[in-house]
Amino acid sequence: MSLSQAQKKAFRSIGHYLNPVVTVSENGVSDNLLAELGRALNDHELIKVKLALPERDDRTAMLEELINDSQAELVQSIGKTALLYRPNPKGNPKLSNIKRFENHHGRR
């Protein structure tokens, strides 16, 4: 799965209005964190993750681990916030940030 530049641009514009739904602390990646991340990606497809780590290198390593473990794709990373995407073809249109945005703005 590789997003085109146009898709990334569209997802960034949606992501601008999202709040982080998962926060990663210095405790690292746990099974509970991965379960919550997986649930959020299944429900919403496009989510913001807050990386509450002071060191940039630690945030980068943590983000790579999250992406690998969740099989999500990084859309954008700014400072301590990352925007992740993982498609869910059977997703609930009322929960999916992408489908809700498309329905609200009349895009298909």
PDB file of N, CA and C in Angstrom:
ATOM      1  N   MET A   1       0.854  -1.175   0.000  1.00  0.00           N
ATOM      2  CA  MET A   1       0.000   0.000   0.000  1.00  0.00           C
ATOM      3  C   MET A   1       0.896   1.233   0.000  1.00  0.00           C
ATOM      4  N   SER A   2       0.734   2.038  -1.004  1.00  0.00           N
ATOM      5  CA  SER A   2       1.497   3.266  -1.069  1.00  0.00           C
ATOM      6  C   SER A   2       0.560   4.379  -1.519  1.00  0.00           C
ATOM      7  N   LEU A   3       0.495   5.409  -0.710  1.00  0.00           N
ATOM      8  CA  LEU A   3      -0.398   6.524  -1.010  1.00  0.00           C
ATOM      9  C   LEU A   3       0.226   7.460  -2.036  1.00  0.00           C
ATOM     10  N   SER A   4      -0.597   7.962  -2.943  1.00  0.00           N
ATOM     11  CA  SER A   4      -0.125   8.954  -3.901  1.00  0.00           C
ATOM     12  C   SER A   4       0.002  10.296  -3.192  1.00  0.00           C
ATOM     13  N   GLN A   5       0.681  11.222  -3.827  1.00  0.00           N
ATOM     14  CA  GLN A   5       0.814  12.552  -3.247  1.00  0.00           C
ATOM     15  C   GLN A   5      -0.550  13.232  -3.106  1.00  0.00           C
ATOM     16  N   ALA A   6      -1.443  12.989  -4.061  1.00  0.00           N
ATOM     17  CA  ALA A   6      -2.791  13.581  -3.996  1.00  0.00           C
ATOM     18  C   ALA A   6      -3.568  13.017  -2.807  1.00  0.00           C
ATOM     19  N   GLN A   7      -3.442  11.699  -2.577  1.00  0.00           N
ATOM     20  CA  GLN A   7      -4.114  11.095  -1.425  1.00  0.00           C
ATOM     21  C   GLN A   7      -3.556  11.655  -0.126  1.00  0.00           C
ATOM     22  N   LYS A   8      -2.239  11.758  -0.048  1.00  0.00           N
ATOM     23  CA  LYS A   8      -1.624  12.291   1.167  1.00  0.00           C
ATOM     24  C   LYS A   8      -2.088  13.723   1.423  1.00  0.00           C
ATOM     25  N   LYS A   9      -2.177  14.509   0.375  1.00  0.00           N
ATOM     26  CA  LYS A   9      -2.627  15.892   0.522  1.00  0.00           C
ATOM     27  C   LYS A   9      -4.061  15.930   1.033  1.00  0.00           C
ATOM     28  N   ALA A  10      -4.921  15.083   0.463  1.00  0.00           N
ATOM     29  CA  ALA A  10      -6.320  15.038   0.907  1.00  0.00           C
ATOM     30  C   ALA A  10      -6.407  14.577   2.359  1.00  0.00           C
ATOM     31  N   PHE A  11      -5.616  13.567   2.728  1.00  0.00           N
ATOM     32  CA  PHE A  11      -5.639  13.049   4.098  1.00  0.00           C
ATOM     33  C   PHE A  11      -5.083  14.080   5.081  1.00  0.00           C
ATOM     34  N   ARG A  12      -4.074  14.834   4.662  1.00  0.00           N
ATOM     35  CA  ARG A  12      -3.532  15.882   5.542  1.00  0.00           C
ATOM     36  C   ARG A  12      -4.596  16.946   5.817  1.00  0.00           C
ATOM     37  N   SER A  13      -5.388  17.270   4.800  1.00  0.00           N
ATOM     38  CA  SER A  13      -6.431  18.281   5.009  1.00  0.00           C
ATOM     39  C   SER A  13      -7.503  17.764   5.961  1.00  0.00           C
ATOM     40  N   ILE A  14      -7.827  16.476   5.901  1.00  0.00           N
ATOM     41  CA  ILE A  14      -8.767  15.882   6.856  1.00  0.00           C
ATOM     42  C   ILE A  14      -8.116  15.841   8.240  1.00  0.00           C
ATOM     43  N   GLY A  15      -6.868  15.409   8.284  1.00  0.00           N
ATOM     44  CA  GLY A  15      -6.151  15.256   9.547  1.00  0.00           C
ATOM     45  C   GLY A  15      -5.999  16.547  10.319  1.00  0.00           C
ATOM     46  N   HIS A  16      -6.016  17.658   9.619  1.00  0.00           N
ATOM     47  CA  HIS A  16      -5.888  18.961  10.276  1.00  0.00           C
ATOM     48  C   HIS A  16      -6.961  19.151  11.345  1.00  0.00           C
ATOM     49  N   TYR A  17      -8.141  18.583  11.133  1.00  0.00           N
ATOM     50  CA  TYR A  17      -9.264  18.767  12.042  1.00  0.00           C
ATOM     51  C   TYR A  17      -9.375  17.672  13.103  1.00  0.00           C
ATOM     52  N   LEU A  18      -8.494  16.691  13.064  1.00  0.00           N
ATOM     53  CA  LEU A  18      -8.572  15.562  14.005  1.00  0.00           C
ATOM     54  C   LEU A  18      -7.771  15.847  15.270  1.00  0.00           C
ATOM     55  N   ASN A  19      -8.222  15.245  16.353  1.00  0.00           N
ATOM     56  CA  ASN A  19      -7.473  15.254  17.600  1.00  0.00           C
ATOM     57  C   ASN A  19      -6.786  13.902  17.756  1.00  0.00           C
ATOM     58  N   PRO A  20      -5.642  13.851  18.444  1.00  0.00           N
ATOM     59  CA  PRO A  20      -4.990  12.557  18.663  1.00  0.00           C
ATOM     60  C   PRO A  20      -5.904  11.606  19.438  1.00  0.00           C
ATOM     61  N   VAL A  21      -5.991  10.363  18.961  1.00  0.00           N
ATOM     62  CA  VAL A  21      -6.811   9.360  19.641  1.00  0.00           C
ATOM     63  C   VAL A  21      -5.965   8.344  20.391  1.00  0.00           C
ATOM     64  N   VAL A  22      -4.682   8.313  20.089  1.00  0.00           N
ATOM     65  CA  VAL A  22      -3.752   7.417  20.781  1.00  0.00           C
ATOM     66  C   VAL A  22      -2.540   8.246  21.186  1.00  0.00           C
ATOM     67  N   THR A  23      -2.098   8.055  22.438  1.00  0.00           N
ATOM     68  CA  THR A  23      -0.905   8.733  22.928  1.00  0.00           C
ATOM     69  C   THR A  23       0.110   7.685  23.350  1.00  0.00           C
ATOM     70  N   VAL A  24       1.320   7.832  22.841  1.00  0.00           N
ATOM     71  CA  VAL A  24       2.413   6.931  23.180  1.00  0.00           C
ATOM     72  C   VAL A  24       3.329   7.671  24.144  1.00  0.00           C
ATOM     73  N   SER A  25       3.561   7.061  25.306  1.00  0.00           N
ATOM     74  CA  SER A  25       4.413   7.712  26.312  1.00  0.00           C
ATOM     75  C   SER A  25       5.771   7.022  26.343  1.00  0.00           C
ATOM     76  N   GLU A  26       6.581   7.397  27.309  1.00  0.00           N
ATOM     77  CA  GLU A  26       7.910   6.808  27.445  1.00  0.00           C
ATOM     78  C   GLU A  26       7.858   5.343  27.844  1.00  0.00           C
ATOM     79  N   ASN A  27       6.672   4.846  28.207  1.00  0.00           N
ATOM     80  CA  ASN A  27       6.528   3.438  28.560  1.00  0.00           C
ATOM     81  C   ASN A  27       6.719   2.529  27.350  1.00  0.00           C
ATOM     82  N   GLY A  28       6.617   3.086  26.170  1.00  0.00           N
ATOM     83  CA  GLY A  28       6.864   2.311  24.961  1.00  0.00           C
ATOM     84  C   GLY A  28       5.618   1.640  24.426  1.00  0.00           C
ATOM     85  N   VAL A  29       5.842   0.695  23.522  1.00  0.00           N
ATOM     86  CA  VAL A  29       4.753   0.001  22.845  1.00  0.00           C
ATOM     87  C   VAL A  29       4.386  -1.246  23.647  1.00  0.00           C
ATOM     88  N   SER A  30       3.149  -1.282  24.106  1.00  0.00           N
ATOM     89  CA  SER A  30       2.649  -2.446  24.847  1.00  0.00           C
ATOM     90  C   SER A  30       1.562  -3.129  24.020  1.00  0.00           C
ATOM     91  N   ASP A  31       1.159  -4.306  24.464  1.00  0.00           N
ATOM     92  CA  ASP A  31       0.069  -5.003  23.779  1.00  0.00           C
ATOM     93  C   ASP A  31      -1.213  -4.183  23.831  1.00  0.00           C
ATOM     94  N   ASN A  32      -1.472  -3.541  24.981  1.00  0.00           N
ATOM     95  CA  ASN A  32      -2.670  -2.713  25.112  1.00  0.00           C
ATOM     96  C   ASN A  32      -2.625  -1.522  24.154  1.00  0.00           C
ATOM     97  N   LEU A  33      -1.461  -0.907  24.023  1.00  0.00           N
ATOM     98  CA  LEU A  33      -1.318   0.223  23.107  1.00  0.00           C
ATOM     99  C   LEU A  33      -1.566  -0.225  21.670  1.00  0.00           C
ATOM    100  N   LEU A  34      -1.004  -1.358  21.285  1.00  0.00           N
ATOM    101  CA  LEU A  34      -1.199  -1.857  19.927  1.00  0.00           C
ATOM    102  C   LEU A  34      -2.656  -2.225  19.678  1.00  0.00           C
ATOM    103  N   ALA A  35      -3.318  -2.776  20.697  1.00  0.00           N
ATOM    104  CA  ALA A  35      -4.736  -3.114  20.565  1.00  0.00           C
ATOM    105  C   ALA A  35      -5.565  -1.847  20.362  1.00  0.00           C
ATOM    106  N   GLU A  36      -5.265  -0.811  21.121  1.00  0.00           N
ATOM    107  CA  GLU A  36      -5.984   0.457  20.997  1.00  0.00           C
ATOM    108  C   GLU A  36      -5.704   1.108  19.639  1.00  0.00           C
ATOM    109  N   LEU A  37      -4.464   1.063  19.208  1.00  0.00           N
ATOM    110  CA  LEU A  37      -4.097   1.604  17.905  1.00  0.00           C
ATOM    111  C   LEU A  37      -4.835   0.852  16.793  1.00  0.00           C
ATOM    112  N   GLY A  38      -4.850  -0.471  16.879  1.00  0.00           N
ATOM    113  CA  GLY A  38      -5.552  -1.286  15.882  1.00  0.00           C
ATOM    114  C   GLY A  38      -7.037  -0.982  15.841  1.00  0.00           C
ATOM    115  N   ARG A  39      -7.648  -0.842  17.022  1.00  0.00           N
ATOM    116  CA  ARG A  39      -9.071  -0.525  17.097  1.00  0.00           C
ATOM    117  C   ARG A  39      -9.353   0.846  16.471  1.00  0.00           C
ATOM    118  N   ALA A  40      -8.512   1.824  16.805  1.00  0.00           N
ATOM    119  CA  ALA A  40      -8.699   3.176  16.270  1.00  0.00           C
ATOM    120  C   ALA A  40      -8.553   3.186  14.750  1.00  0.00           C
ATOM    121  N   LEU A  41      -7.570   2.460  14.231  1.00  0.00           N
ATOM    122  CA  LEU A  41      -7.385   2.405  12.774  1.00  0.00           C
ATOM    123  C   LEU A  41      -8.544   1.678  12.101  1.00  0.00           C
ATOM    124  N   ASN A  42      -9.042   0.600  12.721  1.00  0.00           N
ATOM    125  CA  ASN A  42     -10.188  -0.118  12.154  1.00  0.00           C
ATOM    126  C   ASN A  42     -11.419   0.775  12.105  1.00  0.00           C
ATOM    127  N   ASP A  43     -11.639   1.520  13.167  1.00  0.00           N
ATOM    128  CA  ASP A  43     -12.827   2.372  13.242  1.00  0.00           C
ATOM    129  C   ASP A  43     -12.709   3.610  12.358  1.00  0.00           C
ATOM    130  N   HIS A  44     -11.587   4.288  12.451  1.00  0.00           N
ATOM    131  CA  HIS A  44     -11.462   5.616  11.853  1.00  0.00           C
ATOM    132  C   HIS A  44     -10.620   5.675  10.579  1.00  0.00           C
ATOM    133  N   GLU A  45      -9.810   4.673  10.310  1.00  0.00           N
ATOM    134  CA  GLU A  45      -8.912   4.590   9.147  1.00  0.00           C
ATOM    135  C   GLU A  45      -7.798   5.631   9.162  1.00  0.00           C
ATOM    136  N   LEU A  46      -8.129   6.867   9.438  1.00  0.00           N
ATOM    137  CA  LEU A  46      -7.149   7.952   9.473  1.00  0.00           C
ATOM    138  C   LEU A  46      -7.153   8.526  10.888  1.00  0.00           C
ATOM    139  N   ILE A  47      -6.011   8.438  11.573  1.00  0.00           N
ATOM    140  CA  ILE A  47      -5.963   8.890  12.968  1.00  0.00           C
ATOM    141  C   ILE A  47      -4.693   9.690  13.241  1.00  0.00           C
ATOM    142  N   LYS A  48      -4.778  10.513  14.267  1.00  0.00           N
ATOM    143  CA  LYS A  48      -3.601  11.216  14.775  1.00  0.00           C
ATOM    144  C   LYS A  48      -3.109  10.469  16.003  1.00  0.00           C
ATOM    145  N   VAL A  49      -1.788  10.365  16.092  1.00  0.00           N
ATOM    146  CA  VAL A  49      -1.132   9.736  17.236  1.00  0.00           C
ATOM    147  C   VAL A  49      -0.191  10.758  17.841  1.00  0.00           C
ATOM    148  N   LYS A  50      -0.254  10.891  19.159  1.00  0.00           N
ATOM    149  CA  LYS A  50       0.658  11.802  19.852  1.00  0.00           C
ATOM    150  C   LYS A  50       1.800  10.981  20.433  1.00  0.00           C
ATOM    151  N   LEU A  51       3.012  11.395  20.137  1.00  0.00           N
ATOM    152  CA  LEU A  51       4.212  10.728  20.638  1.00  0.00           C
ATOM    153  C   LEU A  51       4.799  11.597  21.745  1.00  0.00           C
ATOM    154  N   ALA A  52       4.469  11.264  22.980  1.00  0.00           N
ATOM    155  CA  ALA A  52       4.874  12.083  24.130  1.00  0.00           C
ATOM    156  C   ALA A  52       6.270  11.694  24.601  1.00  0.00           C
ATOM    157  N   LEU A  53       7.224  11.832  23.700  1.00  0.00           N
ATOM    158  CA  LEU A  53       8.619  11.516  23.990  1.00  0.00           C
ATOM    159  C   LEU A  53       9.450  12.764  23.722  1.00  0.00           C
ATOM    160  N   PRO A  54      10.365  13.103  24.624  1.00  0.00           N
ATOM    161  CA  PRO A  54      11.118  14.358  24.458  1.00  0.00           C
ATOM    162  C   PRO A  54      12.147  14.321  23.328  1.00  0.00           C
ATOM    163  N   GLU A  55      12.748  13.182  23.058  1.00  0.00           N
ATOM    164  CA  GLU A  55      13.832  13.103  22.068  1.00  0.00           C
ATOM    165  C   GLU A  55      13.311  12.745  20.681  1.00  0.00           C
ATOM    166  N   ARG A  56      13.735  13.492  19.680  1.00  0.00           N
ATOM    167  CA  ARG A  56      13.305  13.261  18.300  1.00  0.00           C
ATOM    168  C   ARG A  56      13.650  11.846  17.826  1.00  0.00           C
ATOM    169  N   ASP A  57      14.847  11.377  18.120  1.00  0.00           N
ATOM    170  CA  ASP A  57      15.254  10.035  17.682  1.00  0.00           C
ATOM    171  C   ASP A  57      14.368   8.965  18.301  1.00  0.00           C
ATOM    172  N   ASP A  58      13.983   9.158  19.569  1.00  0.00           N
ATOM    173  CA  ASP A  58      13.089   8.203  20.232  1.00  0.00           C
ATOM    174  C   ASP A  58      11.710   8.208  19.573  1.00  0.00           C
ATOM    175  N   ARG A  59      11.225   9.400  19.225  1.00  0.00           N
ATOM    176  CA  ARG A  59       9.925   9.500  18.547  1.00  0.00           C
ATOM    177  C   ARG A  59       9.969   8.813  17.188  1.00  0.00           C
ATOM    178  N   THR A  60      11.048   9.018  16.457  1.00  0.00           N
ATOM    179  CA  THR A  60      11.188   8.403  15.135  1.00  0.00           C
ATOM    180  C   THR A  60      11.197   6.880  15.246  1.00  0.00           C
ATOM    181  N   ALA A  61      11.960   6.351  16.194  1.00  0.00           N
ATOM    182  CA  ALA A  61      12.032   4.896  16.390  1.00  0.00           C
ATOM    183  C   ALA A  61      10.675   4.345  16.818  1.00  0.00           C
ATOM    184  N   MET A  62       9.993   5.046  17.719  1.00  0.00           N
ATOM    185  CA  MET A  62       8.681   4.609  18.190  1.00  0.00           C
ATOM    186  C   MET A  62       7.668   4.619  17.062  1.00  0.00           C
ATOM    187  N   LEU A  63       7.704   5.651  16.239  1.00  0.00           N
ATOM    188  CA  LEU A  63       6.785   5.770  15.120  1.00  0.00           C
ATOM    189  C   LEU A  63       7.010   4.638  14.117  1.00  0.00           C
ATOM    190  N   GLU A  64       8.260   4.321  13.825  1.00  0.00           N
ATOM    191  CA  GLU A  64       8.565   3.207  12.922  1.00  0.00           C
ATOM    192  C   GLU A  64       8.028   1.896  13.480  1.00  0.00           C
ATOM    193  N   GLU A  65       8.174   1.697  14.785  1.00  0.00           N
ATOM    194  CA  GLU A  65       7.670   0.479  15.418  1.00  0.00           C
ATOM    195  C   GLU A  65       6.142   0.413  15.318  1.00  0.00           C
ATOM    196  N   LEU A  66       5.471   1.524  15.570  1.00  0.00           N
ATOM    197  CA  LEU A  66       4.008   1.554  15.477  1.00  0.00           C
ATOM    198  C   LEU A  66       3.527   1.257  14.056  1.00  0.00           C
ATOM    199  N   ILE A  67       4.201   1.845  13.077  1.00  0.00           N
ATOM    200  CA  ILE A  67       3.814   1.638  11.680  1.00  0.00           C
ATOM    201  C   ILE A  67       4.004   0.175  11.292  1.00  0.00           C
ATOM    202  N   ASN A  68       5.135  -0.410  11.677  1.00  0.00           N
ATOM    203  CA  ASN A  68       5.386  -1.812  11.355  1.00  0.00           C
ATOM    204  C   ASN A  68       4.390  -2.740  12.043  1.00  0.00           C
ATOM    205  N   ASP A  69       4.120  -2.494  13.322  1.00  0.00           N
ATOM    206  CA  ASP A  69       3.235  -3.373  14.084  1.00  0.00           C
ATOM    207  C   ASP A  69       1.774  -3.249  13.653  1.00  0.00           C
ATOM    208  N   SER A  70       1.369  -2.056  13.229  1.00  0.00           N
ATOM    209  CA  SER A  70      -0.040  -1.838  12.872  1.00  0.00           C
ATOM    210  C   SER A  70      -0.302  -1.976  11.374  1.00  0.00           C
ATOM    211  N   GLN A  71       0.754  -2.045  10.573  1.00  0.00           N
ATOM    212  CA  GLN A  71       0.665  -2.080   9.114  1.00  0.00           C
ATOM    213  C   GLN A  71      -0.074  -0.858   8.569  1.00  0.00           C
ATOM    214  N   ALA A  72       0.113   0.254   9.253  1.00  0.00           N
ATOM    215  CA  ALA A  72      -0.461   1.522   8.800  1.00  0.00           C
ATOM    216  C   ALA A  72       0.578   2.239   7.950  1.00  0.00           C
ATOM    217  N   GLU A  73       0.129   3.276   7.295  1.00  0.00           N
ATOM    218  CA  GLU A  73       1.044   4.091   6.495  1.00  0.00           C
ATOM    219  C   GLU A  73       1.111   5.489   7.088  1.00  0.00           C
ATOM    220  N   LEU A  74       2.324   6.007   7.144  1.00  0.00           N
ATOM    221  CA  LEU A  74       2.522   7.354   7.639  1.00  0.00           C
ATOM    222  C   LEU A  74       2.105   8.357   6.569  1.00  0.00           C
ATOM    223  N   VAL A  75       1.185   9.238   6.931  1.00  0.00           N
ATOM    224  CA  VAL A  75       0.756  10.291   6.017  1.00  0.00           C
ATOM    225  C   VAL A  75       1.605  11.533   6.260  1.00  0.00           C
ATOM    226  N   GLN A  76       1.802  11.851   7.560  1.00  0.00           N
ATOM    227  CA  GLN A  76       2.541  13.049   7.906  1.00  0.00           C
ATOM    228  C   GLN A  76       3.010  12.938   9.346  1.00  0.00           C
ATOM    229  N   SER A  77       4.158  13.535   9.616  1.00  0.00           N
ATOM    230  CA  SER A  77       4.666  13.612  10.981  1.00  0.00           C
ATOM    231  C   SER A  77       5.207  15.021  11.204  1.00  0.00           C
ATOM    232  N   ILE A  78       4.628  15.696  12.198  1.00  0.00           N
ATOM    233  CA  ILE A  78       5.081  17.037  12.547  1.00  0.00           C
ATOM    234  C   ILE A  78       5.291  17.069  14.052  1.00  0.00           C
ATOM    235  N   GLY A  79       6.522  17.340  14.453  1.00  0.00           N
ATOM    236  CA  GLY A  79       6.823  17.415  15.883  1.00  0.00           C
ATOM    237  C   GLY A  79       6.473  16.123  16.601  1.00  0.00           C
ATOM    238  N   LYS A  80       5.578  16.217  17.572  1.00  0.00           N
ATOM    239  CA  LYS A  80       5.199  15.051  18.376  1.00  0.00           C
ATOM    240  C   LYS A  80       3.888  14.424  17.918  1.00  0.00           C
ATOM    241  N   THR A  81       3.429  14.786  16.733  1.00  0.00           N
ATOM    242  CA  THR A  81       2.161  14.274  16.226  1.00  0.00           C
ATOM    243  C   THR A  81       2.368  13.605  14.876  1.00  0.00           C
ATOM    244  N   ALA A  82       1.740  12.438  14.721  1.00  0.00           N
ATOM    245  CA  ALA A  82       1.817  11.708  13.455  1.00  0.00           C
ATOM    246  C   ALA A  82       0.411  11.398  12.971  1.00  0.00           C
ATOM    247  N   LEU A  83       0.235  11.403  11.672  1.00  0.00           N
ATOM    248  CA  LEU A  83      -1.033  11.070  11.040  1.00  0.00           C
ATOM    249  C   LEU A  83      -0.848   9.730  10.343  1.00  0.00           C
ATOM    250  N   LEU A  84      -1.626   8.723  10.770  1.00  0.00           N
ATOM    251  CA  LEU A  84      -1.509   7.372  10.232  1.00  0.00           C
ATOM    252  C   LEU A  84      -2.778   6.979   9.503  1.00  0.00           C
ATOM    253  N   TYR A  85      -2.613   6.139   8.467  1.00  0.00           N
ATOM    254  CA  TYR A  85      -3.739   5.677   7.671  1.00  0.00           C
ATOM    255  C   TYR A  85      -3.631   4.181   7.448  1.00  0.00           C
ATOM    256  N   ARG A  86      -4.746   3.508   7.637  1.00  0.00           N
ATOM    257  CA  ARG A  86      -4.853   2.095   7.267  1.00  0.00           C
ATOM    258  C   ARG A  86      -6.283   1.876   6.780  1.00  0.00           C
ATOM    259  N   PRO A  87      -6.448   1.474   5.508  1.00  0.00           N
ATOM    260  CA  PRO A  87      -7.799   1.320   4.967  1.00  0.00           C
ATOM    261  C   PRO A  87      -8.546   0.168   5.625  1.00  0.00           C
ATOM    262  N   ASN A  88      -9.855   0.326   5.741  1.00  0.00           N
ATOM    263  CA  ASN A  88     -10.727  -0.725   6.234  1.00  0.00           C
ATOM    264  C   ASN A  88     -11.930  -0.777   5.305  1.00  0.00           C
ATOM    265  N   PRO A  89     -11.906  -1.698   4.319  1.00  0.00           N
ATOM    266  CA  PRO A  89     -12.997  -1.752   3.336  1.00  0.00           C
ATOM    267  C   PRO A  89     -14.354  -2.042   3.980  1.00  0.00           C
ATOM    268  N   LYS A  90     -14.346  -2.672   5.150  1.00  0.00           N
ATOM    269  CA  LYS A  90     -15.608  -2.996   5.826  1.00  0.00           C
ATOM    270  C   LYS A  90     -15.900  -2.003   6.949  1.00  0.00           C
ATOM    271  N   GLY A  91     -15.232  -0.866   6.913  1.00  0.00           N
ATOM    272  CA  GLY A  91     -15.372   0.125   7.977  1.00  0.00           C
ATOM    273  C   GLY A  91     -16.757   0.748   8.043  1.00  0.00           C
ATOM    274  N   ASN A  92     -17.119   1.186   9.221  1.00  0.00           N
ATOM    275  CA  ASN A  92     -18.386   1.850   9.462  1.00  0.00           C
ATOM    276  C   ASN A  92     -18.293   3.284   8.924  1.00  0.00           C
ATOM    277  N   PRO A  93     -19.137   3.651   7.958  1.00  0.00           N
ATOM    278  CA  PRO A  93     -19.055   5.003   7.393  1.00  0.00           C
ATOM    279  C   PRO A  93     -19.324   6.108   8.419  1.00  0.00           C
ATOM    280  N   LYS A  94     -19.986   5.769   9.509  1.00  0.00           N
ATOM    281  CA  LYS A  94     -20.249   6.773  10.539  1.00  0.00           C
ATOM    282  C   LYS A  94     -19.044   6.995  11.432  1.00  0.00           C
ATOM    283  N   LEU A  95     -18.087   6.055  11.430  1.00  0.00           N
ATOM    284  CA  LEU A  95     -16.890   6.180  12.252  1.00  0.00           C
ATOM    285  C   LEU A  95     -15.669   6.592  11.453  1.00  0.00           C
ATOM    286  N   SER A  96     -15.605   6.183  10.196  1.00  0.00           N
ATOM    287  CA  SER A  96     -14.439   6.459   9.356  1.00  0.00           C
ATOM    288  C   SER A  96     -14.289   7.954   9.122  1.00  0.00           C
ATOM    289  N   ASN A  97     -13.140   8.500   9.508  1.00  0.00           N
ATOM    290  CA  ASN A  97     -12.883   9.924   9.292  1.00  0.00           C
ATOM    291  C   ASN A  97     -12.908  10.276   7.811  1.00  0.00           C
ATOM    292  N   ILE A  98     -12.454   9.365   6.968  1.00  0.00           N
ATOM    293  CA  ILE A  98     -12.406   9.622   5.526  1.00  0.00           C
ATOM    294  C   ILE A  98     -13.812   9.626   4.936  1.00  0.00           C
ATOM    295  N   LYS A  99     -14.594   8.606   5.247  1.00  0.00           N
ATOM    296  CA  LYS A  99     -15.950   8.517   4.692  1.00  0.00           C
ATOM    297  C   LYS A  99     -16.840   9.643   5.229  1.00  0.00           C
ATOM    298  N   ARG A 100     -16.684   9.990   6.500  1.00  0.00           N
ATOM    299  CA  ARG A 100     -17.475  11.095   7.059  1.00  0.00           C
ATOM    300  C   ARG A 100     -17.117  12.406   6.358  1.00  0.00           C
ATOM    301  N   PHE A 101     -15.848  12.628   6.114  1.00  0.00           N
ATOM    302  CA  PHE A 101     -15.418  13.852   5.439  1.00  0.00           C
ATOM    303  C   PHE A 101     -15.960  13.894   4.014  1.00  0.00           C
ATOM    304  N   GLU A 102     -15.857  12.762   3.304  1.00  0.00           N
ATOM    305  CA  GLU A 102     -16.358  12.706   1.929  1.00  0.00           C
ATOM    306  C   GLU A 102     -17.854  12.940   1.887  1.00  0.00           C
ATOM    307  N   ASN A 103     -18.588  12.324   2.807  1.00  0.00           N
ATOM    308  CA  ASN A 103     -20.043  12.500   2.829  1.00  0.00           C
ATOM    309  C   ASN A 103     -20.424  13.930   3.188  1.00  0.00           C
ATOM    310  N   HIS A 104     -19.698  14.509   4.107  1.00  0.00           N
ATOM    311  CA  HIS A 104     -19.993  15.871   4.556  1.00  0.00           C
ATOM    312  C   HIS A 104     -19.691  16.896   3.470  1.00  0.00           C
ATOM    313  N   HIS A 105     -18.651  16.634   2.688  1.00  0.00           N
ATOM    314  CA  HIS A 105     -18.219  17.598   1.678  1.00  0.00           C
ATOM    315  C   HIS A 105     -18.612  17.195   0.250  1.00  0.00           C
ATOM    316  N   GLY A 106     -19.407  16.151   0.138  1.00  0.00           N
ATOM    317  CA  GLY A 106     -19.922  15.762  -1.171  1.00  0.00           C
ATOM    318  C   GLY A 106     -18.907  15.203  -2.133  1.00  0.00           C
ATOM    319  N   ARG A 107     -17.813  14.659  -1.602  1.00  0.00           N
ATOM    320  CA  ARG A 107     -16.784  14.084  -2.479  1.00  0.00           C
ATOM    321  C   ARG A 107     -16.944  12.584  -2.525  1.00  0.00           C
ATOM    322  N   ARG A 108     -16.558  12.005  -3.642  1.00  0.00           N
ATOM    323  CA  ARG A 108     -16.590  10.542  -3.796  1.00  0.00           C
ATOM    324  C   ARG A 108     -15.280  10.084  -4.371  1.00  0.00           C
TER     325      ARG A 108
END
